[in-house]
PDB file of N, CA and C in Angstrom:
ATOM      1  N   MET A   1       1.542  11.208  25.996  1.00  0.00           N
ATOM      2  CA  MET A   1       1.828  11.793  24.530  1.00  0.00           C
ATOM      3  C   MET A   1       3.521  11.007  23.973  1.00  0.00           C
ATOM      4  N   SER A   2       3.288  11.161  22.467  1.00  0.00           N
ATOM      5  CA  SER A   2       4.332  10.701  21.980  1.00  0.00           C
ATOM      6  C   SER A   2       5.399  11.908  21.957  1.00  0.00           C
ATOM      7  N   SER A   3       6.679  11.801  21.816  1.00  0.00           N
ATOM      8  CA  SER A   3       7.769  12.615  21.253  1.00  0.00           C
ATOM      9  C   SER A   3       7.920  13.079  19.824  1.00  0.00           C
ATOM     10  N   TYR A   4       7.129  12.570  19.113  1.00  0.00           N
ATOM     11  CA  TYR A   4       6.958  12.692  17.792  1.00  0.00           C
ATOM     12  C   TYR A   4       5.832  13.496  17.413  1.00  0.00           C
ATOM     13  N   ALA A   5       5.988  14.675  17.002  1.00  0.00           N
ATOM     14  CA  ALA A   5       5.256  15.722  16.596  1.00  0.00           C
ATOM     15  C   ALA A   5       4.337  15.545  15.335  1.00  0.00           C
ATOM     16  N   LEU A   6       3.084  15.356  15.494  1.00  0.00           N
ATOM     17  CA  LEU A   6       1.975  15.104  14.437  1.00  0.00           C
ATOM     18  C   LEU A   6       1.726  16.333  13.796  1.00  0.00           C
ATOM     19  N   THR A   7       1.522  16.138  12.406  1.00  0.00           N
ATOM     20  CA  THR A   7       0.801  17.544  11.689  1.00  0.00           C
ATOM     21  C   THR A   7      -0.018  16.474  10.960  1.00  0.00           C
ATOM     22  N   ASP A   8      -0.773  17.150  10.040  1.00  0.00           N
ATOM     23  CA  ASP A   8      -1.792  16.401   9.314  1.00  0.00           C
ATOM     24  C   ASP A   8      -1.454  15.150   8.341  1.00  0.00           C
ATOM     25  N   GLU A   9      -0.295  15.799   7.477  1.00  0.00           N
ATOM     26  CA  GLU A   9       0.489  14.973   6.832  1.00  0.00           C
ATOM     27  C   GLU A   9       1.191  13.999   7.247  1.00  0.00           C
ATOM     28  N   THR A  10       1.891  14.118   8.624  1.00  0.00           N
ATOM     29  CA  THR A  10       2.697  12.931   9.219  1.00  0.00           C
ATOM     30  C   THR A  10       1.329  12.089   9.920  1.00  0.00           C
ATOM     31  N   ALA A  11       0.427  12.361  10.168  1.00  0.00           N
ATOM     32  CA  ALA A  11      -0.608  11.645  10.915  1.00  0.00           C
ATOM     33  C   ALA A  11      -1.257  10.678  10.081  1.00  0.00           C
ATOM     34  N   ILE A  12      -1.465  11.371   8.468  1.00  0.00           N
ATOM     35  CA  ILE A  12      -1.860  10.349   7.427  1.00  0.00           C
ATOM     36  C   ILE A  12      -0.772   9.493   7.093  1.00  0.00           C
ATOM     37  N   ASP A  13       0.470   9.769   6.945  1.00  0.00           N
ATOM     38  CA  ASP A  13       1.516   8.896   6.700  1.00  0.00           C
ATOM     39  C   ASP A  13       1.887   7.828   7.733  1.00  0.00           C
ATOM     40  N   ILE A  14       1.572   7.993   9.008  1.00  0.00           N
ATOM     41  CA  ILE A  14       1.503   6.885   9.765  1.00  0.00           C
ATOM     42  C   ILE A  14       0.417   5.767   9.369  1.00  0.00           C
ATOM     43  N   LEU A  15      -0.764   6.322   9.378  1.00  0.00           N
ATOM     44  CA  LEU A  15      -1.893   5.459   9.235  1.00  0.00           C
ATOM     45  C   LEU A  15      -1.667   4.645   7.577  1.00  0.00           C
ATOM     46  N   ILE A  16      -1.216   5.463   6.868  1.00  0.00           N
ATOM     47  CA  ILE A  16      -0.837   4.715   5.574  1.00  0.00           C
ATOM     48  C   ILE A  16      -0.033   3.598   5.806  1.00  0.00           C
ATOM     49  N   PHE A  17       1.156   3.686   6.421  1.00  0.00           N
ATOM     50  CA  PHE A  17       2.014   2.762   7.144  1.00  0.00           C
ATOM     51  C   PHE A  17       1.126   1.479   7.528  1.00  0.00           C
ATOM     52  N   TRP A  18       0.057   1.859   8.572  1.00  0.00           N
ATOM     53  CA  TRP A  18      -0.565   0.916   9.187  1.00  0.00           C
ATOM     54  C   TRP A  18      -1.288   0.011   8.463  1.00  0.00           C
ATOM     55  N   ILE A  19      -1.974   0.984   7.522  1.00  0.00           N
ATOM     56  CA  ILE A  19      -2.695  -0.051   6.400  1.00  0.00           C
ATOM     57  C   ILE A  19      -1.826  -0.590   5.577  1.00  0.00           C
ATOM     58  N   ALA A  20      -0.950  -0.053   4.856  1.00  0.00           N
ATOM     59  CA  ALA A  20      -0.012  -0.697   3.898  1.00  0.00           C
ATOM     60  C   ALA A  20       0.563  -1.875   4.160  1.00  0.00           C
ATOM     61  N   SER A  21       1.238  -2.036   5.562  1.00  0.00           N
ATOM     62  CA  SER A  21       2.163  -2.925   5.824  1.00  0.00           C
ATOM     63  C   SER A  21       1.685  -4.017   6.872  1.00  0.00           C
ATOM     64  N   THR A  22      -0.214  -4.125   6.749  1.00  0.00           N
ATOM     65  CA  THR A  22      -0.784  -5.007   7.505  1.00  0.00           C
ATOM     66  C   THR A  22      -0.105  -6.406   7.233  1.00  0.00           C
ATOM     67  N   ASP A  23      -0.217  -7.041   5.733  1.00  0.00           N
ATOM     68  CA  ASP A  23       0.615  -8.308   5.719  1.00  0.00           C
ATOM     69  C   ASP A  23       2.026  -8.544   6.203  1.00  0.00           C
ATOM     70  N   GLY A  24       2.722  -7.427   6.591  1.00  0.00           N
ATOM     71  CA  GLY A  24       4.263  -7.481   6.790  1.00  0.00           C
ATOM     72  C   GLY A  24       5.056  -6.979   6.004  1.00  0.00           C
ATOM     73  N   SER A  25       4.602  -6.338   4.793  1.00  0.00           N
ATOM     74  CA  SER A  25       5.396  -5.613   3.659  1.00  0.00           C
ATOM     75  C   SER A  25       4.714  -5.085   3.110  1.00  0.00           C
ATOM     76  N   ILE A  26       5.184  -3.811   2.230  1.00  0.00           N
ATOM     77  CA  ILE A  26       4.621  -2.880   1.544  1.00  0.00           C
ATOM     78  C   ILE A  26       4.804  -3.367  -0.096  1.00  0.00           C
ATOM     79  N   SER A  27       4.005  -3.835  -0.598  1.00  0.00           N
ATOM     80  CA  SER A  27       4.224  -4.420  -2.099  1.00  0.00           C
ATOM     81  C   SER A  27       4.537  -3.063  -2.912  1.00  0.00           C
ATOM     82  N   PHE A  28       4.981  -3.306  -4.410  1.00  0.00           N
ATOM     83  CA  PHE A  28       5.097  -2.590  -5.376  1.00  0.00           C
ATOM     84  C   PHE A  28       3.525  -1.784  -5.668  1.00  0.00           C
ATOM     85  N   ALA A  29       2.363  -2.411  -5.530  1.00  0.00           N
ATOM     86  CA  ALA A  29       1.068  -1.940  -6.044  1.00  0.00           C
ATOM     87  C   ALA A  29       0.819  -0.938  -4.759  1.00  0.00           C
ATOM     88  N   GLU A  30       1.109  -1.285  -3.514  1.00  0.00           N
ATOM     89  CA  GLU A  30       0.782  -0.358  -2.455  1.00  0.00           C
ATOM     90  C   GLU A  30       1.660   1.089  -2.429  1.00  0.00           C
ATOM     91  N   GLN A  31       2.979   0.635  -2.811  1.00  0.00           N
ATOM     92  CA  GLN A  31       3.670   1.781  -3.205  1.00  0.00           C
ATOM     93  C   GLN A  31       2.847   2.725  -4.010  1.00  0.00           C
ATOM     94  N   GLY A  32       2.766   2.303  -5.176  1.00  0.00           N
ATOM     95  CA  GLY A  32       2.245   3.244  -6.425  1.00  0.00           C
ATOM     96  C   GLY A  32       0.763   3.940  -5.788  1.00  0.00           C
ATOM     97  N   ALA A  33       0.118   2.905  -5.013  1.00  0.00           N
ATOM     98  CA  ALA A  33      -1.180   3.593  -4.731  1.00  0.00           C
ATOM     99  C   ALA A  33      -1.139   4.551  -3.669  1.00  0.00           C
ATOM    100  N   VAL A  34       0.308   4.273  -2.656  1.00  0.00           N
ATOM    101  CA  VAL A  34       0.477   5.430  -1.807  1.00  0.00           C
ATOM    102  C   VAL A  34       1.071   6.754  -2.314  1.00  0.00           C
ATOM    103  N   LYS A  35       1.759   6.736  -3.600  1.00  0.00           N
ATOM    104  CA  LYS A  35       2.282   7.660  -4.267  1.00  0.00           C
ATOM    105  C   LYS A  35       1.230   8.844  -5.021  1.00  0.00           C
ATOM    106  N   ARG A  36      -0.048   7.960  -5.483  1.00  0.00           N
ATOM    107  CA  ARG A  36      -1.102   8.823  -6.151  1.00  0.00           C
ATOM    108  C   ARG A  36      -1.934   9.254  -5.046  1.00  0.00           C
ATOM    109  N   VAL A  37      -2.384   8.637  -3.840  1.00  0.00           N
ATOM    110  CA  VAL A  37      -2.868   8.812  -2.732  1.00  0.00           C
ATOM    111  C   VAL A  37      -2.147  10.442  -2.208  1.00  0.00           C
ATOM    112  N   LEU A  38      -1.029  10.327  -2.170  1.00  0.00           N
ATOM    113  CA  LEU A  38      -0.204  11.785  -1.327  1.00  0.00           C
ATOM    114  C   LEU A  38      -0.364  12.524  -2.586  1.00  0.00           C
ATOM    115  N   GLU A  39      -0.208  12.591  -3.888  1.00  0.00           N
ATOM    116  CA  GLU A  39      -0.189  13.403  -5.320  1.00  0.00           C
ATOM    117  C   GLU A  39      -1.660  13.902  -4.863  1.00  0.00           C
ATOM    118  N   ASN A  40      -2.586  13.289  -4.789  1.00  0.00           N
ATOM    119  CA  ASN A  40      -3.844  13.525  -4.790  1.00  0.00           C
ATOM    120  C   ASN A  40      -4.123  14.607  -3.509  1.00  0.00           C
ATOM    121  N   MET A  41      -3.558  14.669  -2.263  1.00  0.00           N
ATOM    122  CA  MET A  41      -3.425  15.379  -1.223  1.00  0.00           C
ATOM    123  C   MET A  41      -2.675  16.604  -1.133  1.00  0.00           C
ATOM    124  N   ASN A  42      -1.754  16.605  -2.473  1.00  0.00           N
ATOM    125  CA  ASN A  42      -0.954  17.379  -2.551  1.00  0.00           C
ATOM    126  C   ASN A  42       0.347  17.571  -1.203  1.00  0.00           C
ATOM    127  N   TYR A  43       0.573  16.204  -0.873  1.00  0.00           N
ATOM    128  CA  TYR A  43       1.730  15.893   0.059  1.00  0.00           C
ATOM    129  C   TYR A  43       2.727  15.456  -0.905  1.00  0.00           C
ATOM    130  N   THR A  44       3.970  15.308   0.131  1.00  0.00           N
ATOM    131  CA  THR A  44       5.175  14.771  -0.602  1.00  0.00           C
ATOM    132  C   THR A  44       5.671  13.386  -0.289  1.00  0.00           C
ATOM    133  N   MET A  45       6.200  12.976  -1.262  1.00  0.00           N
ATOM    134  CA  MET A  45       6.735  11.507  -1.237  1.00  0.00           C
ATOM    135  C   MET A  45       7.773  11.647  -0.178  1.00  0.00           C
ATOM    136  N   ASN A  46       8.383  13.093  -0.122  1.00  0.00           N
ATOM    137  CA  ASN A  46       9.717  13.207   0.598  1.00  0.00           C
ATOM    138  C   ASN A  46       9.250  13.106   2.347  1.00  0.00           C
ATOM    139  N   THR A  47       8.375  13.686   2.646  1.00  0.00           N
ATOM    140  CA  THR A  47       7.804  13.707   4.038  1.00  0.00           C
ATOM    141  C   THR A  47       7.264  12.429   4.390  1.00  0.00           C
ATOM    142  N   TYR A  48       6.809  11.456   3.691  1.00  0.00           N
ATOM    143  CA  TYR A  48       6.255  10.112   3.870  1.00  0.00           C
ATOM    144  C   TYR A  48       7.235   9.454   4.112  1.00  0.00           C
ATOM    145  N   HIS A  49       8.438   9.490   3.156  1.00  0.00           N
ATOM    146  CA  HIS A  49       9.878   8.961   3.336  1.00  0.00           C
ATOM    147  C   HIS A  49      10.524   9.081   4.467  1.00  0.00           C
ATOM    148  N   LYS A  50      10.344  10.314   4.850  1.00  0.00           N
ATOM    149  CA  LYS A  50      11.024  10.584   6.351  1.00  0.00           C
ATOM    150  C   LYS A  50      10.520  10.177   7.438  1.00  0.00           C
ATOM    151  N   THR A  51       8.910  10.193   7.178  1.00  0.00           N
ATOM    152  CA  THR A  51       8.182   9.470   8.288  1.00  0.00           C
ATOM    153  C   THR A  51       8.537   7.909   8.548  1.00  0.00           C
ATOM    154  N   MET A  52       8.661   7.381   7.065  1.00  0.00           N
ATOM    155  CA  MET A  52       8.791   5.751   7.001  1.00  0.00           C
ATOM    156  C   MET A  52      10.056   5.731   7.791  1.00  0.00           C
ATOM    157  N   SER A  53      11.127   6.180   7.426  1.00  0.00           N
ATOM    158  CA  SER A  53      12.591   6.338   8.256  1.00  0.00           C
ATOM    159  C   SER A  53      12.346   6.529   9.520  1.00  0.00           C
ATOM    160  N   GLN A  54      11.426   7.206  10.059  1.00  0.00           N
ATOM    161  CA  GLN A  54      11.415   7.691  11.513  1.00  0.00           C
ATOM    162  C   GLN A  54      10.758   6.289  12.350  1.00  0.00           C
ATOM    163  N   ILE A  55       9.746   5.672  11.589  1.00  0.00           N
ATOM    164  CA  ILE A  55       8.799   4.653  11.990  1.00  0.00           C
ATOM    165  C   ILE A  55       9.620   3.302  12.077  1.00  0.00           C
ATOM    166  N   GLY A  56      10.663   3.246  11.394  1.00  0.00           N
ATOM    167  CA  GLY A  56      11.562   2.085  11.138  1.00  0.00           C
ATOM    168  C   GLY A  56      12.683   1.997  12.330  1.00  0.00           C
ATOM    169  N   ALA A  57      12.698   3.240  12.771  1.00  0.00           N
ATOM    170  CA  ALA A  57      13.464   3.204  14.181  1.00  0.00           C
ATOM    171  C   ALA A  57      12.790   3.269  15.367  1.00  0.00           C
ATOM    172  N   MET A  58      11.788   2.799  15.385  1.00  0.00           N
ATOM    173  CA  MET A  58      10.813   2.930  16.556  1.00  0.00           C
ATOM    174  C   MET A  58      10.493   1.421  17.262  1.00  0.00           C
ATOM    175  N   SER A  59      10.806   1.372  18.340  1.00  0.00           N
ATOM    176  CA  SER A  59       9.945   0.114  19.012  1.00  0.00           C
ATOM    177  C   SER A  59       8.609  -0.227  18.315  1.00  0.00           C
ATOM    178  N   THR A  60       8.079  -1.457  18.518  1.00  0.00           N
ATOM    179  CA  THR A  60       6.752  -1.829  18.090  1.00  0.00           C
ATOM    180  C   THR A  60       5.620  -0.919  19.124  1.00  0.00           C
ATOM    181  N   ASP A  61       6.027  -0.971  19.903  1.00  0.00           N
ATOM    182  CA  ASP A  61       5.136  -0.424  20.800  1.00  0.00           C
ATOM    183  C   ASP A  61       4.786   1.046  20.776  1.00  0.00           C
ATOM    184  N   HIS A  62       6.281   1.680  20.287  1.00  0.00           N
ATOM    185  CA  HIS A  62       5.967   3.304  20.170  1.00  0.00           C
ATOM    186  C   HIS A  62       5.396   3.461  18.821  1.00  0.00           C
ATOM    187  N   VAL A  63       5.405   2.758  17.673  1.00  0.00           N
ATOM    188  CA  VAL A  63       4.844   2.364  16.518  1.00  0.00           C
ATOM    189  C   VAL A  63       3.064   2.492  16.744  1.00  0.00           C
ATOM    190  N   LYS A  64       3.203   1.256  17.572  1.00  0.00           N
ATOM    191  CA  LYS A  64       1.468   1.180  17.977  1.00  0.00           C
ATOM    192  C   LYS A  64       0.828   2.434  18.898  1.00  0.00           C
ATOM    193  N   LYS A  65       1.683   3.245  19.402  1.00  0.00           N
ATOM    194  CA  LYS A  65       1.272   4.297  20.490  1.00  0.00           C
ATOM    195  C   LYS A  65       1.101   5.438  19.181  1.00  0.00           C
ATOM    196  N   MET A  66       2.017   5.507  18.326  1.00  0.00           N
ATOM    197  CA  MET A  66       1.948   6.753  17.280  1.00  0.00           C
ATOM    198  C   MET A  66       0.627   6.345  16.325  1.00  0.00           C
ATOM    199  N   ILE A  67       0.132   5.055  15.895  1.00  0.00           N
ATOM    200  CA  ILE A  67      -0.997   4.655  15.472  1.00  0.00           C
ATOM    201  C   ILE A  67      -2.220   5.521  16.339  1.00  0.00           C
ATOM    202  N   GLU A  68      -1.965   4.872  17.421  1.00  0.00           N
ATOM    203  CA  GLU A  68      -3.363   5.294  18.120  1.00  0.00           C
ATOM    204  C   GLU A  68      -3.449   6.873  18.338  1.00  0.00           C
ATOM    205  N   GLU A  69      -2.206   7.909  18.321  1.00  0.00           N
ATOM    206  CA  GLU A  69      -2.317   8.876  18.373  1.00  0.00           C
ATOM    207  C   GLU A  69      -2.829   9.658  17.055  1.00  0.00           C
ATOM    208  N   ALA A  70      -2.081   8.821  15.821  1.00  0.00           N
ATOM    209  CA  ALA A  70      -2.659   9.385  14.782  1.00  0.00           C
ATOM    210  C   ALA A  70      -4.264   9.400  14.555  1.00  0.00           C
ATOM    211  N   ILE A  71      -4.814   8.038  14.843  1.00  0.00           N
ATOM    212  CA  ILE A  71      -6.029   8.190  14.706  1.00  0.00           C
ATOM    213  C   ILE A  71      -6.859   9.379  15.400  1.00  0.00           C
ATOM    214  N   VAL A  72      -6.467   9.559  16.655  1.00  0.00           N
ATOM    215  CA  VAL A  72      -6.923  10.706  17.692  1.00  0.00           C
ATOM    216  C   VAL A  72      -6.733  11.735  17.225  1.00  0.00           C
ATOM    217  N   TYR A  73      -5.754  12.282  16.604  1.00  0.00           N
ATOM    218  CA  TYR A  73      -5.118  13.327  15.759  1.00  0.00           C
ATOM    219  C   TYR A  73      -6.054  13.760  14.531  1.00  0.00           C
ATOM    220  N   ILE A  74      -6.444  12.848  14.018  1.00  0.00           N
ATOM    221  CA  ILE A  74      -7.284  13.174  12.433  1.00  0.00           C
ATOM    222  C   ILE A  74      -8.850  13.220  13.266  1.00  0.00           C
ATOM    223  N   ARG A  75      -9.104  12.303  14.247  1.00  0.00           N
ATOM    224  CA  ARG A  75     -10.527  12.586  14.767  1.00  0.00           C
ATOM    225  C   ARG A  75     -10.773  13.919  15.091  1.00  0.00           C
ATOM    226  N   SER A  76      -9.761  14.865  16.023  1.00  0.00           N
ATOM    227  CA  SER A  76      -9.798  16.154  16.625  1.00  0.00           C
ATOM    228  C   SER A  76      -9.287  17.125  15.304  1.00  0.00           C
ATOM    229  N   ASN A  77      -8.656  16.951  14.553  1.00  0.00           N
ATOM    230  CA  ASN A  77      -8.150  18.168  13.628  1.00  0.00           C
ATOM    231  C   ASN A  77      -8.808  18.260  12.574  1.00  0.00           C
ATOM    232  N   PHE A  78      -9.579  16.870  12.103  1.00  0.00           N
ATOM    233  CA  PHE A  78      -9.887  17.125  10.497  1.00  0.00           C
ATOM    234  C   PHE A  78     -11.789  17.252  10.427  1.00  0.00           C
ATOM    235  N   SER A  79     -11.751  18.087   9.583  1.00  0.00           N
ATOM    236  CA  SER A  79     -13.437  17.870   9.666  1.00  0.00           C
ATOM    237  C   SER A  79     -13.817  16.483   9.091  1.00  0.00           C
ATOM    238  N   ASP A  80     -15.226  16.686   9.194  1.00  0.00           N
ATOM    239  CA  ASP A  80     -15.805  15.634   8.890  1.00  0.00           C
ATOM    240  C   ASP A  80     -15.492  14.986   7.724  1.00  0.00           C
ATOM    241  N   ASP A  81     -15.610  16.142   6.513  1.00  0.00           N
ATOM    242  CA  ASP A  81     -15.347  15.648   5.171  1.00  0.00           C
ATOM    243  C   ASP A  81     -13.891  15.365   5.157  1.00  0.00           C
ATOM    244  N   GLY A  82     -12.743  15.806   5.807  1.00  0.00           N
ATOM    245  CA  GLY A  82     -11.389  15.559   5.960  1.00  0.00           C
ATOM    246  C   GLY A  82     -11.252  14.064   6.525  1.00  0.00           C
ATOM    247  N   GLN A  83     -12.028  13.801   7.392  1.00  0.00           N
ATOM    248  CA  GLN A  83     -11.839  12.336   7.852  1.00  0.00           C
ATOM    249  C   GLN A  83     -12.579  11.421   6.775  1.00  0.00           C
ATOM    250  N   ARG A  84     -13.476  11.580   5.909  1.00  0.00           N
ATOM    251  CA  ARG A  84     -14.313  10.753   5.120  1.00  0.00           C
ATOM    252  C   ARG A  84     -13.206  10.739   4.090  1.00  0.00           C
ATOM    253  N   LEU A  85     -12.346  11.795   3.548  1.00  0.00           N
ATOM    254  CA  LEU A  85     -11.529  11.889   2.316  1.00  0.00           C
ATOM    255  C   LEU A  85     -10.226  10.781   2.832  1.00  0.00           C
ATOM    256  N   THR A  86      -9.670  11.259   4.202  1.00  0.00           N
ATOM    257  CA  THR A  86      -8.768  10.370   4.687  1.00  0.00           C
ATOM    258  C   THR A  86      -9.297   8.852   4.764  1.00  0.00           C
ATOM    259  N   TYR A  87     -10.312   8.646   4.935  1.00  0.00           N
ATOM    260  CA  TYR A  87     -10.818   7.171   5.191  1.00  0.00           C
ATOM    261  C   TYR A  87     -10.959   6.354   3.546  1.00  0.00           C
ATOM    262  N   SER A  88     -11.251   7.397   2.820  1.00  0.00           N
ATOM    263  CA  SER A  88     -11.385   6.927   1.391  1.00  0.00           C
ATOM    264  C   SER A  88      -9.766   6.590   0.667  1.00  0.00           C
ATOM    265  N   LEU A  89      -9.042   7.728   1.289  1.00  0.00           N
ATOM    266  CA  LEU A  89      -7.758   7.284   0.478  1.00  0.00           C
ATOM    267  C   LEU A  89      -6.807   6.148   0.901  1.00  0.00           C
ATOM    268  N   LEU A  90      -7.415   5.867   2.597  1.00  0.00           N
ATOM    269  CA  LEU A  90      -6.811   4.741   3.143  1.00  0.00           C
ATOM    270  C   LEU A  90      -7.583   3.500   2.559  1.00  0.00           C
ATOM    271  N   ASP A  91      -8.812   3.706   2.146  1.00  0.00           N
ATOM    272  CA  ASP A  91      -9.585   2.376   1.525  1.00  0.00           C
ATOM    273  C   ASP A  91      -8.880   2.051   0.302  1.00  0.00           C
ATOM    274  N   THR A  92      -8.372   3.247  -0.301  1.00  0.00           N
ATOM    275  CA  THR A  92      -7.803   2.785  -1.878  1.00  0.00           C
ATOM    276  C   THR A  92      -6.728   2.110  -1.860  1.00  0.00           C
ATOM    277  N   ILE A  93      -6.006   2.388  -0.796  1.00  0.00           N
ATOM    278  CA  ILE A  93      -4.788   1.700  -0.692  1.00  0.00           C
ATOM    279  C   ILE A  93      -5.060   0.272  -0.075  1.00  0.00           C
ATOM    280  N   ALA A  94      -6.018   0.036   0.763  1.00  0.00           N
ATOM    281  CA  ALA A  94      -6.165  -1.203   1.210  1.00  0.00           C
ATOM    282  C   ALA A  94      -6.646  -2.199   0.140  1.00  0.00           C
ATOM    283  N   HIS A  95      -7.256  -1.460  -0.609  1.00  0.00           N
ATOM    284  CA  HIS A  95      -7.980  -2.069  -2.091  1.00  0.00           C
ATOM    285  C   HIS A  95      -6.989  -2.499  -3.245  1.00  0.00           C
ATOM    286  N   CYS A  96      -6.135  -1.864  -3.365  1.00  0.00           N
ATOM    287  CA  CYS A  96      -5.226  -1.852  -4.217  1.00  0.00           C
ATOM    288  C   CYS A  96      -4.828  -2.797  -4.927  1.00  0.00           C
ATOM    289  N   GLU A  97      -4.616  -3.979  -4.334  1.00  0.00           N
ATOM    290  CA  GLU A  97      -4.560  -5.390  -4.740  1.00  0.00           C
ATOM    291  C   GLU A  97      -5.723  -6.142  -4.788  1.00  0.00           C
ATOM    292  N   GLY A  98      -6.632  -5.665  -4.904  1.00  0.00           N
ATOM    293  CA  GLY A  98      -7.972  -6.542  -5.240  1.00  0.00           C
ATOM    294  C   GLY A  98      -8.807  -6.673  -4.167  1.00  0.00           C
ATOM    295  N   GLY A  99      -8.551  -6.536  -2.877  1.00  0.00           N
ATOM    296  CA  GLY A  99      -9.576  -6.536  -1.698  1.00  0.00           C
ATOM    297  C   GLY A  99      -8.832  -6.748  -0.464  1.00  0.00           C
ATOM    298  N   PRO A 100      -9.533  -5.986   0.572  1.00  0.00           N
ATOM    299  CA  PRO A 100      -8.622  -6.092   1.896  1.00  0.00           C
ATOM    300  C   PRO A 100      -9.241  -7.725   2.551  1.00  0.00           C
ATOM    301  N   LYS A 101      -8.045  -7.772   2.992  1.00  0.00           N
ATOM    302  CA  LYS A 101      -8.254  -9.239   3.858  1.00  0.00           C
ATOM    303  C   LYS A 101      -8.863  -8.749   5.277  1.00  0.00           C
ATOM    304  N   LYS A 102      -9.073  -9.999   6.078  1.00  0.00           N
ATOM    305  CA  LYS A 102      -9.690 -10.058   7.090  1.00  0.00           C
ATOM    306  C   LYS A 102      -9.035  -8.850   8.157  1.00  0.00           C
ATOM    307  N   ASP A 103      -7.711  -8.896   8.411  1.00  0.00           N
ATOM    308  CA  ASP A 103      -7.022  -7.713   9.121  1.00  0.00           C
ATOM    309  C   ASP A 103      -7.201  -6.596   8.754  1.00  0.00           C
ATOM    310  N   LEU A 104      -7.077  -6.044   7.183  1.00  0.00           N
ATOM    311  CA  LEU A 104      -7.115  -4.951   6.786  1.00  0.00           C
ATOM    312  C   LEU A 104      -8.668  -4.597   6.777  1.00  0.00           C
ATOM    313  N   ASN A 105      -9.629  -5.552   6.873  1.00  0.00           N
ATOM    314  CA  ASN A 105     -11.233  -5.037   7.037  1.00  0.00           C
ATOM    315  C   ASN A 105     -11.323  -4.693   8.528  1.00  0.00           C
ATOM    316  N   GLU A 106     -10.726  -5.404   9.560  1.00  0.00           N
ATOM    317  CA  GLU A 106     -10.870  -5.157  10.777  1.00  0.00           C
ATOM    318  C   GLU A 106     -10.391  -3.291  11.123  1.00  0.00           C
ATOM    319  N   LYS A 107      -9.227  -3.340  10.733  1.00  0.00           N
ATOM    320  CA  LYS A 107      -8.470  -1.854  10.642  1.00  0.00           C
ATOM    321  C   LYS A 107      -9.418  -0.714   9.813  1.00  0.00           C
ATOM    322  N   LEU A 108     -10.141  -0.970   8.911  1.00  0.00           N
ATOM    323  CA  LEU A 108     -10.985  -0.166   8.216  1.00  0.00           C
ATOM    324  C   LEU A 108     -11.989  -0.076   9.142  1.00  0.00           C
ATOM    325  N   GLU A 109     -12.612  -1.055   9.587  1.00  0.00           N
ATOM    326  CA  GLU A 109     -13.895  -0.955  10.454  1.00  0.00           C
ATOM    327  C   GLU A 109     -13.572   0.058  11.953  1.00  0.00           C
ATOM    328  N   ARG A 110     -12.473  -0.030  12.174  1.00  0.00           N
ATOM    329  CA  ARG A 110     -12.259   0.582  13.434  1.00  0.00           C
ATOM    330  C   ARG A 110     -12.137   2.054  12.817  1.00  0.00           C
ATOM    331  N   LEU A 111     -11.568   2.519  11.780  1.00  0.00           N
ATOM    332  CA  LEU A 111     -11.507   3.960  11.299  1.00  0.00           C
ATOM    333  C   LEU A 111     -12.935   4.209  11.264  1.00  0.00           C
ATOM    334  N   LYS A 112     -13.729   3.733  10.700  1.00  0.00           N
ATOM    335  CA  LYS A 112     -14.895   4.078  10.212  1.00  0.00           C
ATOM    336  C   LYS A 112     -15.754   4.229  11.588  1.00  0.00           C
ATOM    337  N   LYS A 113     -15.606   3.607  12.648  1.00  0.00           N
ATOM    338  CA  LYS A 113     -15.713   3.739  13.845  1.00  0.00           C
ATOM    339  C   LYS A 113     -15.592   4.931  14.642  1.00  0.00           C
ATOM    340  N   GLU A 114     -13.994   4.959  14.570  1.00  0.00           N
ATOM    341  CA  GLU A 114     -13.242   5.971  15.100  1.00  0.00           C
ATOM    342  C   GLU A 114     -13.652   7.362  14.836  1.00  0.00           C
ATOM    343  N   TRP A 115     -13.969   7.473  13.433  1.00  0.00           N
ATOM    344  CA  TRP A 115     -14.242   8.700  12.778  1.00  0.00           C
ATOM    345  C   TRP A 115     -15.728   9.147  12.340  1.00  0.00           C
ATOM    346  N   GLY A 116     -16.629   7.963  12.543  1.00  0.00           N
ATOM    347  CA  GLY A 116     -17.940   8.210  12.200  1.00  0.00           C
ATOM    348  C   GLY A 116     -18.215   8.182  10.652  1.00  0.00           C
ATOM    349  N   VAL A 117     -17.428   7.776   9.958  1.00  0.00           N
ATOM    350  CA  VAL A 117     -17.728   7.703   8.280  1.00  0.00           C
ATOM    351  C   VAL A 117     -18.594   6.545   7.952  1.00  0.00           C
TER     352      VAL A 117
END
């Protein structure tokens, strides 16, 4: 288990990072989509930025482990509706620039399978 304590909000933040950074960067359109998604969930950009700063200080292997833990956290701690909502919000971010590419589709398909949505 990681030394990073997951909450509902930080688990979502980690998966937002995973989806939004698939192409190696987070675009202005993706940043706008993230802001809208977090506002819709009544979460703060403050926590998101803190989580992103902490991710930036982690090794690649640690980030990969955190992503796995976030997926499991959501599966274990969110209701079916919560998992569907989280998937929908991540899908919104993935599609904010027109449509997900192959790598993004693979990530979204994995989440569908993991969460049964």
